[in-house]
Amino acid sequence: MRHHKDHALQVECELNHGDLLIMAGNTQHFWQHAIPKTRQTKQTRINLTFRNIL
């Protein structure tokens, strides 16, 4: 993840099969997350996003 204003601030978090990352509170507001780009798809990936809109 990287800070949305200061891209020099980064945190790496390796997720394995079956892992779950919950971004809540300040993490959701101040940090961006992404999956590293690859030239070729190696495996099938499923991405689920749950949102609560008030």
PDB file of N, CA and C in Angstrom:
ATOM      1  N   MET A   1       0.859  -1.165   0.000  1.00  0.00           N
ATOM      2  CA  MET A   1       0.000   0.000   0.000  1.00  0.00           C
ATOM      3  C   MET A   1       0.901   1.222   0.000  1.00  0.00           C
ATOM      4  N   ARG A   2       0.385   2.307  -0.541  1.00  0.00           N
ATOM      5  CA  ARG A   2       1.136   3.556  -0.465  1.00  0.00           C
ATOM      6  C   ARG A   2       0.210   4.681  -0.034  1.00  0.00           C
ATOM      7  N   HIS A   3       0.789   5.633   0.654  1.00  0.00           N
ATOM      8  CA  HIS A   3       0.040   6.773   1.148  1.00  0.00           C
ATOM      9  C   HIS A   3      -0.446   7.594  -0.040  1.00  0.00           C
ATOM     10  N   HIS A   4      -1.680   8.062   0.006  1.00  0.00           N
ATOM     11  CA  HIS A   4      -2.244   8.739  -1.165  1.00  0.00           C
ATOM     12  C   HIS A   4      -1.622  10.104  -1.434  1.00  0.00           C
ATOM     13  N   LYS A   5      -0.997  10.737  -0.445  1.00  0.00           N
ATOM     14  CA  LYS A   5      -0.343  12.031  -0.670  1.00  0.00           C
ATOM     15  C   LYS A   5       1.169  11.888  -0.796  1.00  0.00           C
ATOM     16  N   ASP A   6       1.779  11.070   0.045  1.00  0.00           N
ATOM     17  CA  ASP A   6       3.233  10.882   0.035  1.00  0.00           C
ATOM     18  C   ASP A   6       3.543   9.471  -0.461  1.00  0.00           C
ATOM     19  N   HIS A   7       3.794   9.324  -1.756  1.00  0.00           N
ATOM     20  CA  HIS A   7       4.001   8.001  -2.348  1.00  0.00           C
ATOM     21  C   HIS A   7       5.284   7.327  -1.869  1.00  0.00           C
ATOM     22  N   ALA A   8       6.167   8.086  -1.181  1.00  0.00           N
ATOM     23  CA  ALA A   8       7.372   7.477  -0.610  1.00  0.00           C
ATOM     24  C   ALA A   8       7.023   6.602   0.599  1.00  0.00           C
ATOM     25  N   LEU A   9       5.893   6.872   1.235  1.00  0.00           N
ATOM     26  CA  LEU A   9       5.425   6.046   2.359  1.00  0.00           C
ATOM     27  C   LEU A   9       4.717   4.821   1.796  1.00  0.00           C
ATOM     28  N   GLN A  10       5.326   3.655   1.980  1.00  0.00           N
ATOM     29  CA  GLN A  10       4.760   2.420   1.454  1.00  0.00           C
ATOM     30  C   GLN A  10       4.801   1.321   2.501  1.00  0.00           C
ATOM     31  N   VAL A  11       3.841   0.427   2.423  1.00  0.00           N
ATOM     32  CA  VAL A  11       3.773  -0.739   3.302  1.00  0.00           C
ATOM     33  C   VAL A  11       3.491  -1.943   2.418  1.00  0.00           C
ATOM     34  N   GLU A  12       4.295  -2.997   2.567  1.00  0.00           N
ATOM     35  CA  GLU A  12       4.052  -4.226   1.812  1.00  0.00           C
ATOM     36  C   GLU A  12       3.332  -5.230   2.700  1.00  0.00           C
ATOM     37  N   CYS A  13       2.353  -5.886   2.118  1.00  0.00           N
ATOM     38  CA  CYS A  13       1.574  -6.879   2.849  1.00  0.00           C
ATOM     39  C   CYS A  13       1.298  -8.034   1.891  1.00  0.00           C
ATOM     40  N   GLU A  14       1.997  -9.149   2.076  1.00  0.00           N
ATOM     41  CA  GLU A  14       1.808 -10.294   1.187  1.00  0.00           C
ATOM     42  C   GLU A  14       0.598 -11.095   1.650  1.00  0.00           C
ATOM     43  N   LEU A  15      -0.334 -11.280   0.741  1.00  0.00           N
ATOM     44  CA  LEU A  15      -1.528 -12.065   1.045  1.00  0.00           C
ATOM     45  C   LEU A  15      -1.413 -13.413   0.358  1.00  0.00           C
ATOM     46  N   ASN A  16      -1.706 -14.455   1.074  1.00  0.00           N
ATOM     47  CA  ASN A  16      -1.665 -15.809   0.539  1.00  0.00           C
ATOM     48  C   ASN A  16      -3.072 -16.297   0.236  1.00  0.00           C
ATOM     49  N   HIS A  17      -3.157 -17.460  -0.381  1.00  0.00           N
ATOM     50  CA  HIS A  17      -4.436 -18.058  -0.737  1.00  0.00           C
ATOM     51  C   HIS A  17      -5.354 -18.101   0.482  1.00  0.00           C
ATOM     52  N   GLY A  18      -6.544 -17.543   0.335  1.00  0.00           N
ATOM     53  CA  GLY A  18      -7.526 -17.562   1.411  1.00  0.00           C
ATOM     54  C   GLY A  18      -7.411 -16.423   2.407  1.00  0.00           C
ATOM     55  N   ASP A  19      -6.400 -15.559   2.252  1.00  0.00           N
ATOM     56  CA  ASP A  19      -6.225 -14.431   3.173  1.00  0.00           C
ATOM     57  C   ASP A  19      -7.227 -13.319   2.878  1.00  0.00           C
ATOM     58  N   LEU A  20      -7.463 -12.483   3.859  1.00  0.00           N
ATOM     59  CA  LEU A  20      -8.397 -11.371   3.750  1.00  0.00           C
ATOM     60  C   LEU A  20      -7.736 -10.123   4.310  1.00  0.00           C
ATOM     61  N   LEU A  21      -7.830  -9.026   3.588  1.00  0.00           N
ATOM     62  CA  LEU A  21      -7.319  -7.738   4.054  1.00  0.00           C
ATOM     63  C   LEU A  21      -8.504  -6.796   4.194  1.00  0.00           C
ATOM     64  N   ILE A  22      -8.690  -6.255   5.382  1.00  0.00           N
ATOM     65  CA  ILE A  22      -9.775  -5.306   5.627  1.00  0.00           C
ATOM     66  C   ILE A  22      -9.165  -3.929   5.803  1.00  0.00           C
ATOM     67  N   MET A  23      -9.575  -3.004   4.948  1.00  0.00           N
ATOM     68  CA  MET A  23      -9.113  -1.617   5.047  1.00  0.00           C
ATOM     69  C   MET A  23     -10.254  -0.808   5.642  1.00  0.00           C
ATOM     70  N   ALA A  24     -10.082  -0.383   6.879  1.00  0.00           N
ATOM     71  CA  ALA A  24     -11.146   0.347   7.564  1.00  0.00           C
ATOM     72  C   ALA A  24     -10.604   1.645   8.137  1.00  0.00           C
ATOM     73  N   GLY A  25     -11.500   2.557   8.463  1.00  0.00           N
ATOM     74  CA  GLY A  25     -11.122   3.808   9.119  1.00  0.00           C
ATOM     75  C   GLY A  25     -10.109   4.611   8.327  1.00  0.00           C
ATOM     76  N   ASN A  26      -9.032   5.058   9.004  1.00  0.00           N
ATOM     77  CA  ASN A  26      -8.009   5.879   8.359  1.00  0.00           C
ATOM     78  C   ASN A  26      -7.271   5.143   7.252  1.00  0.00           C
ATOM     79  N   THR A  27      -7.154   3.826   7.365  1.00  0.00           N
ATOM     80  CA  THR A  27      -6.490   3.059   6.308  1.00  0.00           C
ATOM     81  C   THR A  27      -7.219   3.260   4.986  1.00  0.00           C
ATOM     82  N   GLN A  28      -8.510   3.203   5.011  1.00  0.00           N
ATOM     83  CA  GLN A  28      -9.313   3.368   3.798  1.00  0.00           C
ATOM     84  C   GLN A  28      -9.177   4.774   3.225  1.00  0.00           C
ATOM     85  N   HIS A  29      -9.064   5.771   4.084  1.00  0.00           N
ATOM     86  CA  HIS A  29      -9.035   7.160   3.622  1.00  0.00           C
ATOM     87  C   HIS A  29      -7.667   7.615   3.143  1.00  0.00           C
ATOM     88  N   PHE A  30      -6.593   7.096   3.728  1.00  0.00           N
ATOM     89  CA  PHE A  30      -5.264   7.646   3.460  1.00  0.00           C
ATOM     90  C   PHE A  30      -4.323   6.736   2.678  1.00  0.00           C
ATOM     91  N   TRP A  31      -4.708   5.498   2.424  1.00  0.00           N
ATOM     92  CA  TRP A  31      -3.814   4.561   1.753  1.00  0.00           C
ATOM     93  C   TRP A  31      -4.459   3.989   0.503  1.00  0.00           C
ATOM     94  N   GLN A  32      -3.646   3.780  -0.539  1.00  0.00           N
ATOM     95  CA  GLN A  32      -4.091   3.156  -1.786  1.00  0.00           C
ATOM     96  C   GLN A  32      -3.524   1.743  -1.824  1.00  0.00           C
ATOM     97  N   HIS A  33      -4.256   0.823  -2.422  1.00  0.00           N
ATOM     98  CA  HIS A  33      -3.750  -0.533  -2.572  1.00  0.00           C
ATOM     99  C   HIS A  33      -3.888  -0.964  -4.027  1.00  0.00           C
ATOM    100  N   ALA A  34      -3.021  -1.875  -4.432  1.00  0.00           N
ATOM    101  CA  ALA A  34      -3.051  -2.375  -5.803  1.00  0.00           C
ATOM    102  C   ALA A  34      -2.332  -3.715  -5.868  1.00  0.00           C
ATOM    103  N   ILE A  35      -2.642  -4.458  -6.896  1.00  0.00           N
ATOM    104  CA  ILE A  35      -1.947  -5.710  -7.167  1.00  0.00           C
ATOM    105  C   ILE A  35      -0.861  -5.405  -8.187  1.00  0.00           C
ATOM    106  N   PRO A  36       0.372  -5.862  -7.957  1.00  0.00           N
ATOM    107  CA  PRO A  36       1.451  -5.563  -8.901  1.00  0.00           C
ATOM    108  C   PRO A  36       1.115  -6.031 -10.319  1.00  0.00           C
ATOM    109  N   LYS A  37       1.492  -5.229 -11.306  1.00  0.00           N
ATOM    110  CA  LYS A  37       1.248  -5.573 -12.705  1.00  0.00           C
ATOM    111  C   LYS A  37       2.147  -6.731 -13.120  1.00  0.00           C
ATOM    112  N   THR A  38       1.594  -7.616 -13.945  1.00  0.00           N
ATOM    113  CA  THR A  38       2.375  -8.710 -14.519  1.00  0.00           C
ATOM    114  C   THR A  38       2.106  -8.750 -16.016  1.00  0.00           C
ATOM    115  N   ARG A  39       3.069  -9.256 -16.767  1.00  0.00           N
ATOM    116  CA  ARG A  39       2.903  -9.340 -18.221  1.00  0.00           C
ATOM    117  C   ARG A  39       1.875 -10.410 -18.592  1.00  0.00           C
ATOM    118  N   GLN A  40       1.801 -11.446 -17.788  1.00  0.00           N
ATOM    119  CA  GLN A  40       0.978 -12.588 -18.137  1.00  0.00           C
ATOM    120  C   GLN A  40       0.225 -13.080 -16.902  1.00  0.00           C
ATOM    121  N   THR A  41      -1.020 -13.460 -17.094  1.00  0.00           N
ATOM    122  CA  THR A  41      -1.804 -14.008 -15.995  1.00  0.00           C
ATOM    123  C   THR A  41      -1.283 -15.394 -15.662  1.00  0.00           C
ATOM    124  N   LYS A  42      -0.980 -15.620 -14.393  1.00  0.00           N
ATOM    125  CA  LYS A  42      -0.441 -16.911 -13.976  1.00  0.00           C
ATOM    126  C   LYS A  42      -1.517 -17.808 -13.383  1.00  0.00           C
ATOM    127  N   GLN A  43      -2.473 -17.203 -12.683  1.00  0.00           N
ATOM    128  CA  GLN A  43      -3.532 -17.969 -12.046  1.00  0.00           C
ATOM    129  C   GLN A  43      -4.822 -17.167 -12.087  1.00  0.00           C
ATOM    130  N   THR A  44      -5.918 -17.864 -11.922  1.00  0.00           N
ATOM    131  CA  THR A  44      -7.204 -17.197 -11.806  1.00  0.00           C
ATOM    132  C   THR A  44      -7.267 -16.496 -10.458  1.00  0.00           C
ATOM    133  N   ARG A  45      -7.825 -15.288 -10.455  1.00  0.00           N
ATOM    134  CA  ARG A  45      -7.941 -14.525  -9.211  1.00  0.00           C
ATOM    135  C   ARG A  45      -9.368 -14.016  -9.095  1.00  0.00           C
ATOM    136  N   ILE A  46      -9.919 -14.092  -7.920  1.00  0.00           N
ATOM    137  CA  ILE A  46     -11.254 -13.560  -7.653  1.00  0.00           C
ATOM    138  C   ILE A  46     -11.105 -12.407  -6.677  1.00  0.00           C
ATOM    139  N   ASN A  47     -11.692 -11.277  -7.013  1.00  0.00           N
ATOM    140  CA  ASN A  47     -11.630 -10.095  -6.164  1.00  0.00           C
ATOM    141  C   ASN A  47     -13.049  -9.743  -5.734  1.00  0.00           C
ATOM    142  N   LEU A  48     -13.286  -9.716  -4.437  1.00  0.00           N
ATOM    143  CA  LEU A  48     -14.595  -9.341  -3.902  1.00  0.00           C
ATOM    144  C   LEU A  48     -14.471  -8.003  -3.192  1.00  0.00           C
ATOM    145  N   THR A  49     -15.394  -7.103  -3.469  1.00  0.00           N
ATOM    146  CA  THR A  49     -15.409  -5.800  -2.815  1.00  0.00           C
ATOM    147  C   THR A  49     -16.768  -5.614  -2.154  1.00  0.00           C
ATOM    148  N   PHE A  50     -16.757  -5.341  -0.865  1.00  0.00           N
ATOM    149  CA  PHE A  50     -17.988  -5.087  -0.128  1.00  0.00           C
ATOM    150  C   PHE A  50     -17.981  -3.626   0.298  1.00  0.00           C
ATOM    151  N   ARG A  51     -19.051  -2.919   0.027  1.00  0.00           N
ATOM    152  CA  ARG A  51     -19.127  -1.505   0.379  1.00  0.00           C
ATOM    153  C   ARG A  51     -20.413  -1.228   1.137  1.00  0.00           C
ATOM    154  N   ASN A  52     -20.306  -0.301   2.058  1.00  0.00           N
ATOM    155  CA  ASN A  52     -21.464   0.143   2.811  1.00  0.00           C
ATOM    156  C   ASN A  52     -21.666   1.617   2.487  1.00  0.00           C
ATOM    157  N   ILE A  53     -22.721   1.940   1.785  1.00  0.00           N
ATOM    158  CA  ILE A  53     -22.987   3.319   1.380  1.00  0.00           C
ATOM    159  C   ILE A  53     -24.098   3.872   2.262  1.00  0.00           C
ATOM    160  N   LEU A  54     -23.795   4.974   2.897  1.00  0.00           N
ATOM    161  CA  LEU A  54     -24.780   5.587   3.798  1.00  0.00           C
ATOM    162  C   LEU A  54     -25.483   6.734   3.116  1.00  0.00           C
TER     163      LEU A  54
END
